[in-house]
Structures are given as structure tokens and as C-alpha cells.
All heavy atoms as atom14 arrays in JSON, in Angstrom:
{
  "sequence": "FLNWEKVLRLEFPYLFSNSRPLFSSEDSPSSTSFETYQRAELYTYSP",
  "atom14_mask": [
    [1, 1, 1, 1, 1, 1, 1, 1, 1, 1, 1, 0, 0, 0],
    [1, 1, 1, 1, 1, 1, 1, 1, 0, 0, 0, 0, 0, 0],
    [1, 1, 1, 1, 1, 1, 1, 1, 0, 0, 0, 0, 0, 0],
    [1, 1, 1, 1, 1, 1, 1, 1, 1, 1, 1, 1, 1, 1],
    [1, 1, 1, 1, 1, 1, 1, 1, 1, 0, 0, 0, 0, 0],
    [1, 1, 1, 1, 1, 1, 1, 1, 1, 0, 0, 0, 0, 0],
    [1, 1, 1, 1, 1, 1, 1, 0, 0, 0, 0, 0, 0, 0],
    [1, 1, 1, 1, 1, 1, 1, 1, 0, 0, 0, 0, 0, 0],
    [1, 1, 1, 1, 1, 1, 1, 1, 1, 1, 1, 0, 0, 0],
    [1, 1, 1, 1, 1, 1, 1, 1, 0, 0, 0, 0, 0, 0],
    [1, 1, 1, 1, 1, 1, 1, 1, 1, 0, 0, 0, 0, 0],
    [1, 1, 1, 1, 1, 1, 1, 1, 1, 1, 1, 0, 0, 0],
    [1, 1, 1, 1, 1, 1, 1, 0, 0, 0, 0, 0, 0, 0],
    [1, 1, 1, 1, 1, 1, 1, 1, 1, 1, 1, 1, 0, 0],
    [1, 1, 1, 1, 1, 1, 1, 1, 0, 0, 0, 0, 0, 0],
    [1, 1, 1, 1, 1, 1, 1, 1, 1, 1, 1, 0, 0, 0],
    [1, 1, 1, 1, 1, 1, 0, 0, 0, 0, 0, 0, 0, 0],
    [1, 1, 1, 1, 1, 1, 1, 1, 0, 0, 0, 0, 0, 0],
    [1, 1, 1, 1, 1, 1, 0, 0, 0, 0, 0, 0, 0, 0],
    [1, 1, 1, 1, 1, 1, 1, 1, 1, 1, 1, 0, 0, 0],
    [1, 1, 1, 1, 1, 1, 1, 0, 0, 0, 0, 0, 0, 0],
    [1, 1, 1, 1, 1, 1, 1, 1, 0, 0, 0, 0, 0, 0],
    [1, 1, 1, 1, 1, 1, 1, 1, 1, 1, 1, 0, 0, 0],
    [1, 1, 1, 1, 1, 1, 0, 0, 0, 0, 0, 0, 0, 0],
    [1, 1, 1, 1, 1, 1, 0, 0, 0, 0, 0, 0, 0, 0],
    [1, 1, 1, 1, 1, 1, 1, 1, 1, 0, 0, 0, 0, 0],
    [1, 1, 1, 1, 1, 1, 1, 1, 0, 0, 0, 0, 0, 0],
    [1, 1, 1, 1, 1, 1, 0, 0, 0, 0, 0, 0, 0, 0],
    [1, 1, 1, 1, 1, 1, 1, 0, 0, 0, 0, 0, 0, 0],
    [1, 1, 1, 1, 1, 1, 0, 0, 0, 0, 0, 0, 0, 0],
    [1, 1, 1, 1, 1, 1, 0, 0, 0, 0, 0, 0, 0, 0],
    [1, 1, 1, 1, 1, 1, 1, 0, 0, 0, 0, 0, 0, 0],
    [1, 1, 1, 1, 1, 1, 0, 0, 0, 0, 0, 0, 0, 0],
    [1, 1, 1, 1, 1, 1, 1, 1, 1, 1, 1, 0, 0, 0],
    [1, 1, 1, 1, 1, 1, 1, 1, 1, 0, 0, 0, 0, 0],
    [1, 1, 1, 1, 1, 1, 1, 0, 0, 0, 0, 0, 0, 0],
    [1, 1, 1, 1, 1, 1, 1, 1, 1, 1, 1, 1, 0, 0],
    [1, 1, 1, 1, 1, 1, 1, 1, 1, 0, 0, 0, 0, 0],
    [1, 1, 1, 1, 1, 1, 1, 1, 1, 1, 1, 0, 0, 0],
    [1, 1, 1, 1, 1, 0, 0, 0, 0, 0, 0, 0, 0, 0],
    [1, 1, 1, 1, 1, 1, 1, 1, 1, 0, 0, 0, 0, 0],
    [1, 1, 1, 1, 1, 1, 1, 1, 0, 0, 0, 0, 0, 0],
    [1, 1, 1, 1, 1, 1, 1, 1, 1, 1, 1, 1, 0, 0],
    [1, 1, 1, 1, 1, 1, 1, 0, 0, 0, 0, 0, 0, 0],
    [1, 1, 1, 1, 1, 1, 1, 1, 1, 1, 1, 1, 0, 0],
    [1, 1, 1, 1, 1, 1, 0, 0, 0, 0, 0, 0, 0, 0],
    [1, 1, 1, 1, 1, 1, 1, 0, 0, 0, 0, 0, 0, 0]
  ],
  "atom14_positions": [
    [[-4.94, -16.58, -2.34], [-5.91, -15.65, -3.06], [-5.22, -14.25, -3.14], [-5.45, -13.66, -4.25], [-7.27, -15.52, -2.38], [-8.26, -16.35, -2.84], [-8.67, -17.49, -2.33], [-8.89, -15.95, -4.08], [-9.66, -18.36, -2.87], [-9.9, -16.75, -4.68], [-10.35, -17.94, -4.07], [0.0, 0.0, 0.0], [0.0, 0.0, 0.0], [0.0, 0.0, 0.0]],
    [[-4.52, -13.73, -2.21], [-3.89, -12.53, -2.3], [-2.95, -12.5, -3.45], [-2.82, -11.47, -4.11], [-3.34, -12.14, -0.95], [-4.3, -11.77, 0.21], [-3.53, -11.45, 1.52], [-5.01, -10.41, -0.18], [0.0, 0.0, 0.0], [0.0, 0.0, 0.0], [0.0, 0.0, 0.0], [0.0, 0.0, 0.0], [0.0, 0.0, 0.0], [0.0, 0.0, 0.0]],
    [[-2.07, -13.63, -3.46], [-1.14, -13.58, -4.57], [-1.82, -13.62, -6.01], [-1.41, -12.98, -6.88], [-0.24, -14.85, -4.47], [0.66, -14.75, -3.41], [1.22, -13.65, -3.08], [1.02, -15.79, -2.72], [0.0, 0.0, 0.0], [0.0, 0.0, 0.0], [0.0, 0.0, 0.0], [0.0, 0.0, 0.0], [0.0, 0.0, 0.0], [0.0, 0.0, 0.0]],
    [[-2.9, -14.44, -6.0], [-3.7, -14.39, -7.24], [-4.29, -13.13, -7.66], [-4.23, -12.75, -8.81], [-4.93, -15.39, -7.17], [-4.5, -16.87, -7.26], [-3.4, -17.44, -7.8], [-5.3, -18.0, -6.86], [-3.39, -18.87, -7.8], [-4.54, -19.19, -7.09], [-6.57, -18.08, -6.08], [-5.06, -20.4, -6.82], [-6.91, -19.34, -5.72], [-6.26, -20.51, -6.11]],
    [[-4.72, -12.35, -6.69], [-5.46, -11.13, -6.8], [-4.34, -10.13, -7.34], [-4.61, -9.26, -8.2], [-6.11, -10.57, -5.61], [-7.4, -11.15, -5.35], [-8.58, -10.66, -6.28], [-8.59, -9.43, -6.53], [-9.29, -11.4, -6.9], [0.0, 0.0, 0.0], [0.0, 0.0, 0.0], [0.0, 0.0, 0.0], [0.0, 0.0, 0.0], [0.0, 0.0, 0.0]],
    [[-3.18, -10.1, -6.81], [-2.08, -9.28, -7.14], [-1.75, -9.39, -8.55], [-1.54, -8.47, -9.28], [-0.84, -9.43, -6.29], [-0.92, -8.82, -4.81], [0.4, -8.86, -4.15], [0.74, -10.2, -3.75], [1.95, -10.31, -2.8], [0.0, 0.0, 0.0], [0.0, 0.0, 0.0], [0.0, 0.0, 0.0], [0.0, 0.0, 0.0], [0.0, 0.0, 0.0]],
    [[-1.63, -10.61, -9.07], [-1.36, -10.88, -10.46], [-2.38, -10.33, -11.32], [-2.18, -9.67, -12.41], [-1.22, -12.43, -10.65], [-1.21, -12.77, -12.2], [0.02, -13.05, -10.05], [0.0, 0.0, 0.0], [0.0, 0.0, 0.0], [0.0, 0.0, 0.0], [0.0, 0.0, 0.0], [0.0, 0.0, 0.0], [0.0, 0.0, 0.0], [0.0, 0.0, 0.0]],
    [[-3.59, -10.51, -10.92], [-4.8, -9.94, -11.78], [-4.7, -8.54, -11.84], [-5.09, -7.96, -12.92], [-6.15, -10.46, -11.22], [-6.63, -11.99, -11.53], [-7.96, -12.3, -10.82], [-6.68, -12.22, -13.01], [0.0, 0.0, 0.0], [0.0, 0.0, 0.0], [0.0, 0.0, 0.0], [0.0, 0.0, 0.0], [0.0, 0.0, 0.0], [0.0, 0.0, 0.0]],
    [[-4.65, -7.92, -10.75], [-4.71, -6.43, -10.74], [-3.58, -5.71, -11.49], [-3.75, -4.71, -12.03], [-4.66, -5.88, -9.32], [-6.03, -6.31, -8.63], [-5.96, -5.87, -7.12], [-7.18, -6.36, -6.47], [-7.92, -5.81, -5.45], [-7.55, -4.59, -5.03], [-8.92, -6.37, -4.96], [0.0, 0.0, 0.0], [0.0, 0.0, 0.0], [0.0, 0.0, 0.0]],
    [[-2.44, -6.52, -11.6], [-1.37, -5.92, -12.51], [-1.58, -6.12, -13.99], [-1.38, -5.27, -14.78], [0.0, -6.73, -12.14], [0.65, -6.18, -10.85], [1.78, -7.08, -10.54], [1.09, -4.81, -10.96], [0.0, 0.0, 0.0], [0.0, 0.0, 0.0], [0.0, 0.0, 0.0], [0.0, 0.0, 0.0], [0.0, 0.0, 0.0], [0.0, 0.0, 0.0]],
    [[-2.33, -7.32, -14.26], [-2.63, -7.66, -15.72], [-3.8, -6.96, -16.2], [-3.76, -6.55, -17.45], [-2.78, -9.2, -15.81], [-2.94, -9.59, -17.18], [-2.99, -11.28, -17.3], [-3.02, -11.87, -16.2], [-3.19, -11.66, -18.41], [0.0, 0.0, 0.0], [0.0, 0.0, 0.0], [0.0, 0.0, 0.0], [0.0, 0.0, 0.0], [0.0, 0.0, 0.0]],
    [[-4.8, -6.68, -15.35], [-5.92, -5.97, -15.84], [-6.33, -4.73, -14.96], [-7.29, -4.75, -14.2], [-7.17, -6.9, -15.86], [-6.82, -8.23, -16.52], [-6.7, -9.36, -15.87], [-6.88, -8.31, -17.98], [-6.4, -10.62, -16.56], [-6.63, -9.42, -18.61], [-6.48, -10.56, -17.96], [0.0, 0.0, 0.0], [0.0, 0.0, 0.0], [0.0, 0.0, 0.0]],
    [[-5.44, -3.73, -14.86], [-5.64, -2.53, -14.05], [-6.89, -1.9, -14.04], [-7.47, -1.38, -13.1], [-4.39, -1.8, -14.33], [-4.03, -2.12, -15.76], [-4.31, -3.6, -15.81], [0.0, 0.0, 0.0], [0.0, 0.0, 0.0], [0.0, 0.0, 0.0], [0.0, 0.0, 0.0], [0.0, 0.0, 0.0], [0.0, 0.0, 0.0], [0.0, 0.0, 0.0]],
    [[-7.42, -1.74, -15.33], [-8.63, -0.82, -15.61], [-9.86, -1.72, -15.01], [-10.68, -1.05, -14.34], [-8.85, -0.48, -17.05], [-7.79, 0.38, -17.53], [-6.69, -0.13, -18.2], [-7.8, 1.77, -17.24], [-5.66, 0.78, -18.61], [-6.82, 2.62, -17.61], [-5.84, 2.15, -18.41], [-4.82, 2.94, -18.86], [0.0, 0.0, 0.0], [0.0, 0.0, 0.0]],
    [[-9.93, -2.92, -15.22], [-11.0, -3.79, -14.79], [-11.09, -3.77, -13.23], [-12.19, -3.74, -12.7], [-10.73, -5.26, -15.23], [-11.76, -6.25, -15.01], [-13.2, -5.8, -15.54], [-11.44, -7.61, -15.46], [0.0, 0.0, 0.0], [0.0, 0.0, 0.0], [0.0, 0.0, 0.0], [0.0, 0.0, 0.0], [0.0, 0.0, 0.0], [0.0, 0.0, 0.0]],
    [[-9.98, -3.64, -12.59], [-9.96, -3.6, -11.04], [-9.74, -2.31, -10.49], [-9.47, -2.12, -9.24], [-8.82, -4.52, -10.62], [-9.03, -5.94, -10.75], [-8.77, -6.65, -11.96], [-9.7, -6.71, -9.83], [-8.96, -7.94, -12.25], [-9.93, -8.14, -9.98], [-9.51, -8.72, -11.22], [0.0, 0.0, 0.0], [0.0, 0.0, 0.0], [0.0, 0.0, 0.0]],
    [[-9.93, -1.31, -11.29], [-9.69, 0.18, -10.84], [-10.61, 0.59, -9.69], [-10.36, 1.39, -8.9], [-9.84, 1.16, -11.99], [-11.1, 1.04, -12.65], [0.0, 0.0, 0.0], [0.0, 0.0, 0.0], [0.0, 0.0, 0.0], [0.0, 0.0, 0.0], [0.0, 0.0, 0.0], [0.0, 0.0, 0.0], [0.0, 0.0, 0.0], [0.0, 0.0, 0.0]],
    [[-11.87, 0.01, -9.65], [-12.82, 0.38, -8.64], [-13.05, -0.82, -7.63], [-14.04, -0.85, -6.89], [-14.16, 0.66, -9.17], [-14.14, 1.99, -9.95], [-13.48, 2.95, -9.32], [-14.8, 2.14, -11.02], [0.0, 0.0, 0.0], [0.0, 0.0, 0.0], [0.0, 0.0, 0.0], [0.0, 0.0, 0.0], [0.0, 0.0, 0.0], [0.0, 0.0, 0.0]],
    [[-12.02, -1.75, -7.54], [-12.16, -2.88, -6.61], [-11.98, -2.39, -5.23], [-11.24, -1.48, -5.06], [-11.2, -3.94, -7.13], [-11.59, -4.53, -8.35], [0.0, 0.0, 0.0], [0.0, 0.0, 0.0], [0.0, 0.0, 0.0], [0.0, 0.0, 0.0], [0.0, 0.0, 0.0], [0.0, 0.0, 0.0], [0.0, 0.0, 0.0], [0.0, 0.0, 0.0]],
    [[-12.14, -3.36, -4.31], [-11.77, -3.19, -2.87], [-10.28, -3.1, -2.74], [-9.52, -3.69, -3.63], [-12.2, -4.34, -2.09], [-13.71, -4.73, -2.06], [-13.89, -6.03, -1.26], [-15.33, -6.39, -1.28], [-16.13, -5.95, -0.4], [-15.72, -5.15, 0.56], [-17.4, -6.35, -0.39], [0.0, 0.0, 0.0], [0.0, 0.0, 0.0], [0.0, 0.0, 0.0]],
    [[-9.8, -2.39, -1.8], [-8.36, -2.47, -1.51], [-7.98, -3.9, -1.33], [-8.89, -4.65, -0.85], [-8.15, -1.56, -0.22], [-9.38, -0.77, -0.15], [-10.5, -1.58, -0.85], [0.0, 0.0, 0.0], [0.0, 0.0, 0.0], [0.0, 0.0, 0.0], [0.0, 0.0, 0.0], [0.0, 0.0, 0.0], [0.0, 0.0, 0.0], [0.0, 0.0, 0.0]],
    [[-6.71, -4.27, -1.44], [-6.26, -5.66, -1.41], [-6.07, -6.12, 0.08], [-6.61, -7.22, 0.39], [-5.06, -5.84, -2.12], [-4.66, -7.41, -2.59], [-5.89, -8.1, -3.21], [-3.39, -7.25, -3.49], [0.0, 0.0, 0.0], [0.0, 0.0, 0.0], [0.0, 0.0, 0.0], [0.0, 0.0, 0.0], [0.0, 0.0, 0.0], [0.0, 0.0, 0.0]],
    [[-5.41, -5.25, 0.81], [-4.99, -5.78, 2.16], [-5.67, -5.26, 3.26], [-6.19, -4.13, 3.21], [-3.52, -5.5, 2.32], [-2.64, -6.17, 1.29], [-1.98, -5.29, 0.33], [-2.35, -7.57, 1.36], [-1.27, -5.94, -0.67], [-1.48, -8.08, 0.38], [-0.97, -7.29, -0.7], [0.0, 0.0, 0.0], [0.0, 0.0, 0.0], [0.0, 0.0, 0.0]],
    [[-5.76, -6.06, 4.43], [-6.56, -5.54, 5.65], [-5.89, -4.29, 6.26], [-6.53, -3.5, 6.83], [-6.4, -6.63, 6.66], [-7.2, -7.81, 6.32], [0.0, 0.0, 0.0], [0.0, 0.0, 0.0], [0.0, 0.0, 0.0], [0.0, 0.0, 0.0], [0.0, 0.0, 0.0], [0.0, 0.0, 0.0], [0.0, 0.0, 0.0], [0.0, 0.0, 0.0]],
    [[-4.64, -4.12, 5.99], [-3.99, -2.94, 6.46], [-4.52, -1.53, 5.81], [-4.36, -0.47, 6.27], [-2.48, -2.91, 6.15], [-2.14, -3.11, 4.68], [0.0, 0.0, 0.0], [0.0, 0.0, 0.0], [0.0, 0.0, 0.0], [0.0, 0.0, 0.0], [0.0, 0.0, 0.0], [0.0, 0.0, 0.0], [0.0, 0.0, 0.0], [0.0, 0.0, 0.0]],
    [[-5.31, -1.78, 4.73], [-5.94, -0.53, 3.96], [-7.52, -0.38, 4.47], [-8.1, 0.42, 3.83], [-5.85, -0.83, 2.55], [-4.37, -1.04, 1.95], [-4.37, -1.53, 0.48], [-4.3, -0.65, -0.39], [-4.39, -2.73, 0.38], [0.0, 0.0, 0.0], [0.0, 0.0, 0.0], [0.0, 0.0, 0.0], [0.0, 0.0, 0.0], [0.0, 0.0, 0.0]],
    [[-7.9, -1.12, 5.38], [-9.31, -1.02, 5.88], [-9.54, 0.34, 6.42], [-8.68, 0.85, 7.01], [-9.61, -2.15, 6.9], [-9.81, -3.5, 6.26], [-10.24, -3.57, 4.96], [-9.49, -4.54, 6.87], [0.0, 0.0, 0.0], [0.0, 0.0, 0.0], [0.0, 0.0, 0.0], [0.0, 0.0, 0.0], [0.0, 0.0, 0.0], [0.0, 0.0, 0.0]],
    [[-10.77, 0.69, 6.34], [-11.22, 1.92, 7.05], [-12.76, 1.72, 7.35], [-13.32, 0.74, 6.85], [-11.1, 3.14, 6.17], [-11.88, 3.1, 5.04], [0.0, 0.0, 0.0], [0.0, 0.0, 0.0], [0.0, 0.0, 0.0], [0.0, 0.0, 0.0], [0.0, 0.0, 0.0], [0.0, 0.0, 0.0], [0.0, 0.0, 0.0], [0.0, 0.0, 0.0]],
    [[-13.36, 2.61, 8.11], [-14.83, 2.49, 8.41], [-15.61, 2.47, 7.15], [-16.72, 1.93, 7.07], [-15.12, 3.63, 9.23], [-13.79, 3.95, 9.96], [-12.79, 3.69, 8.96], [0.0, 0.0, 0.0], [0.0, 0.0, 0.0], [0.0, 0.0, 0.0], [0.0, 0.0, 0.0], [0.0, 0.0, 0.0], [0.0, 0.0, 0.0], [0.0, 0.0, 0.0]],
    [[-15.2, 3.07, 6.1], [-15.93, 3.14, 4.76], [-15.52, 2.28, 3.66], [-16.03, 2.18, 2.65], [-15.98, 4.59, 4.23], [-14.69, 4.97, 3.98], [0.0, 0.0, 0.0], [0.0, 0.0, 0.0], [0.0, 0.0, 0.0], [0.0, 0.0, 0.0], [0.0, 0.0, 0.0], [0.0, 0.0, 0.0], [0.0, 0.0, 0.0], [0.0, 0.0, 0.0]],
    [[-14.45, 1.46, 3.99], [-13.84, 0.59, 2.98], [-13.32, -0.69, 3.58], [-12.5, -0.68, 4.33], [-12.73, 1.31, 2.25], [-12.12, 0.58, 1.24], [0.0, 0.0, 0.0], [0.0, 0.0, 0.0], [0.0, 0.0, 0.0], [0.0, 0.0, 0.0], [0.0, 0.0, 0.0], [0.0, 0.0, 0.0], [0.0, 0.0, 0.0], [0.0, 0.0, 0.0]],
    [[-13.8, -1.87, 3.04], [-13.4, -3.17, 3.53], [-12.58, -3.84, 2.5], [-12.96, -3.92, 1.33], [-14.65, -4.09, 3.72], [-15.43, -3.37, 4.65], [-14.04, -5.43, 4.36], [0.0, 0.0, 0.0], [0.0, 0.0, 0.0], [0.0, 0.0, 0.0], [0.0, 0.0, 0.0], [0.0, 0.0, 0.0], [0.0, 0.0, 0.0], [0.0, 0.0, 0.0]],
    [[-11.33, -4.29, 2.73], [-10.35, -4.9, 1.84], [-10.91, -6.2, 1.37], [-11.67, -6.87, 2.09], [-8.89, -4.92, 2.41], [-9.05, -5.84, 3.53], [0.0, 0.0, 0.0], [0.0, 0.0, 0.0], [0.0, 0.0, 0.0], [0.0, 0.0, 0.0], [0.0, 0.0, 0.0], [0.0, 0.0, 0.0], [0.0, 0.0, 0.0], [0.0, 0.0, 0.0]],
    [[-10.3, -6.63, 0.33], [-10.44, -7.98, -0.21], [-10.11, -9.07, 0.83], [-10.77, -9.97, 1.2], [-9.61, -8.23, -1.45], [-9.62, -9.68, -1.94], [-10.61, -10.1, -2.82], [-8.69, -10.5, -1.53], [-10.77, -11.4, -3.36], [-8.76, -11.85, -2.15], [-9.66, -12.24, -2.93], [0.0, 0.0, 0.0], [0.0, 0.0, 0.0], [0.0, 0.0, 0.0]],
    [[-9.02, -8.83, 1.54], [-8.41, -9.73, 2.51], [-9.44, -9.85, 3.74], [-9.69, -11.07, 4.13], [-6.97, -9.3, 3.03], [-6.48, -10.26, 4.1], [-5.12, -9.65, 4.6], [-4.66, -8.66, 4.23], [-4.6, -10.37, 5.55], [0.0, 0.0, 0.0], [0.0, 0.0, 0.0], [0.0, 0.0, 0.0], [0.0, 0.0, 0.0], [0.0, 0.0, 0.0]],
    [[-9.9, -8.81, 4.11], [-10.76, -8.83, 5.45], [-12.14, -9.43, 4.98], [-12.71, -10.26, 5.7], [-10.97, -7.36, 5.89], [-9.7, -6.93, 6.44], [-12.13, -7.33, 6.82], [0.0, 0.0, 0.0], [0.0, 0.0, 0.0], [0.0, 0.0, 0.0], [0.0, 0.0, 0.0], [0.0, 0.0, 0.0], [0.0, 0.0, 0.0], [0.0, 0.0, 0.0]],
    [[-12.64, -9.13, 3.7], [-13.95, -9.63, 3.34], [-13.76, -11.2, 3.17], [-14.58, -11.94, 3.57], [-14.25, -9.22, 1.91], [-15.64, -9.61, 1.49], [-16.8, -8.84, 1.64], [-15.68, -10.83, 0.75], [-18.01, -9.35, 1.13], [-17.0, -11.31, 0.22], [-18.03, -10.48, 0.54], [-19.29, -10.98, 0.08], [0.0, 0.0, 0.0], [0.0, 0.0, 0.0]],
    [[-12.62, -11.62, 2.56], [-12.37, -13.07, 2.45], [-12.27, -13.73, 3.61], [-12.84, -14.93, 3.9], [-11.09, -13.31, 1.64], [-10.9, -14.65, 1.03], [-11.81, -14.9, -0.3], [-12.49, -14.06, -0.61], [-11.52, -16.08, -0.79], [0.0, 0.0, 0.0], [0.0, 0.0, 0.0], [0.0, 0.0, 0.0], [0.0, 0.0, 0.0], [0.0, 0.0, 0.0]],
    [[-11.43, -13.29, 4.64], [-11.33, -13.82, 5.83], [-12.74, -13.98, 6.71], [-13.03, -15.05, 7.21], [-10.37, -13.22, 6.81], [-10.03, -13.86, 8.09], [-8.9, -13.01, 8.85], [-7.6, -13.26, 8.22], [-7.04, -12.34, 7.58], [-7.46, -11.12, 7.5], [-5.82, -12.51, 7.08], [0.0, 0.0, 0.0], [0.0, 0.0, 0.0], [0.0, 0.0, 0.0]],
    [[-13.51, -12.89, 6.62], [-14.83, -12.91, 7.31], [-15.73, -13.91, 6.66], [-16.47, -14.62, 7.52], [-15.36, -11.53, 7.18], [0.0, 0.0, 0.0], [0.0, 0.0, 0.0], [0.0, 0.0, 0.0], [0.0, 0.0, 0.0], [0.0, 0.0, 0.0], [0.0, 0.0, 0.0], [0.0, 0.0, 0.0], [0.0, 0.0, 0.0], [0.0, 0.0, 0.0]],
    [[-15.7, -14.0, 5.43], [-16.48, -15.03, 4.76], [-16.12, -16.53, 5.18], [-17.01, -17.34, 5.53], [-16.56, -14.94, 3.24], [-17.23, -16.14, 2.49], [-17.93, -15.66, 1.23], [-18.15, -14.47, 0.95], [-18.09, -16.51, 0.32], [0.0, 0.0, 0.0], [0.0, 0.0, 0.0], [0.0, 0.0, 0.0], [0.0, 0.0, 0.0], [0.0, 0.0, 0.0]],
    [[-14.87, -16.73, 5.01], [-14.39, -18.12, 5.34], [-14.77, -18.46, 6.8], [-15.02, -19.7, 7.14], [-12.93, -18.33, 5.01], [-12.55, -18.23, 3.48], [-10.94, -18.39, 3.39], [-13.38, -19.19, 2.74], [0.0, 0.0, 0.0], [0.0, 0.0, 0.0], [0.0, 0.0, 0.0], [0.0, 0.0, 0.0], [0.0, 0.0, 0.0], [0.0, 0.0, 0.0]],
    [[-14.65, -17.51, 7.62], [-15.0, -17.73, 9.01], [-16.4, -18.1, 9.35], [-16.87, -18.55, 10.52], [-14.56, -16.6, 9.93], [-13.05, -16.63, 10.3], [-12.46, -15.51, 11.09], [-12.18, -17.7, 10.01], [-11.13, -15.48, 11.34], [-10.9, -17.75, 10.3], [-10.46, -16.65, 11.06], [-9.08, -16.53, 11.25], [0.0, 0.0, 0.0], [0.0, 0.0, 0.0]],
    [[-17.41, -17.87, 8.39], [-18.74, -18.35, 8.49], [-18.85, -19.76, 8.12], [-19.93, -20.37, 8.52], [-19.71, -17.49, 7.75], [-19.44, -17.75, 6.33], [-19.51, -15.99, 8.0], [0.0, 0.0, 0.0], [0.0, 0.0, 0.0], [0.0, 0.0, 0.0], [0.0, 0.0, 0.0], [0.0, 0.0, 0.0], [0.0, 0.0, 0.0], [0.0, 0.0, 0.0]],
    [[-17.84, -20.41, 7.5], [-17.96, -21.81, 7.05], [-17.77, -22.66, 8.31], [-17.05, -22.2, 9.28], [-16.93, -22.07, 6.0], [-17.15, -21.45, 4.73], [-16.14, -21.59, 3.74], [-18.12, -20.58, 4.43], [-16.23, -20.95, 2.53], [-18.25, -19.91, 3.23], [-17.3, -20.15, 2.22], [-17.42, -19.55, 1.06], [0.0, 0.0, 0.0], [0.0, 0.0, 0.0]],
    [[-18.28, -23.86, 8.31], [-17.97, -24.89, 9.29], [-16.54, -25.35, 9.21], [-15.96, -25.21, 8.05], [-18.96, -26.11, 9.15], [-18.55, -26.76, 7.93], [0.0, 0.0, 0.0], [0.0, 0.0, 0.0], [0.0, 0.0, 0.0], [0.0, 0.0, 0.0], [0.0, 0.0, 0.0], [0.0, 0.0, 0.0], [0.0, 0.0, 0.0], [0.0, 0.0, 0.0]],
    [[-15.9, -25.94, 10.14], [-14.52, -26.58, 10.02], [-14.45, -27.45, 8.84], [-13.36, -27.45, 8.19], [-14.28, -27.24, 11.42], [-15.19, -26.51, 12.37], [-16.38, -26.18, 11.47], [0.0, 0.0, 0.0], [0.0, 0.0, 0.0], [0.0, 0.0, 0.0], [0.0, 0.0, 0.0], [0.0, 0.0, 0.0], [0.0, 0.0, 0.0], [0.0, 0.0, 0.0]]
  ]
}
């Protein structure tokens, strides 16, 4: 997903201009990255 998102953000920079940061290394108390959000969501799923 991170690879897919990188491709999209390069191809459509304006569309993604207000999107979440991409990587968990960019997280802060006021901003949750795409990577962290995705991981947290998948961890709510059953095995």
C-alpha cells in the first residue's frame, strides 16, 4: 500500500495535497500517518 500511495501522490499531487503524511516516522500527536492508520485498522481484523 505504501508503494501504491507513493505512486499516486506523485501522479496526482494536488489531489493528495491535504492527505495524511505517508509514513509512521511522520506521526505526531496532531497528525496520524497513512501507514499508522492502515496498520491500526488491520490489527482490528481477525487473523
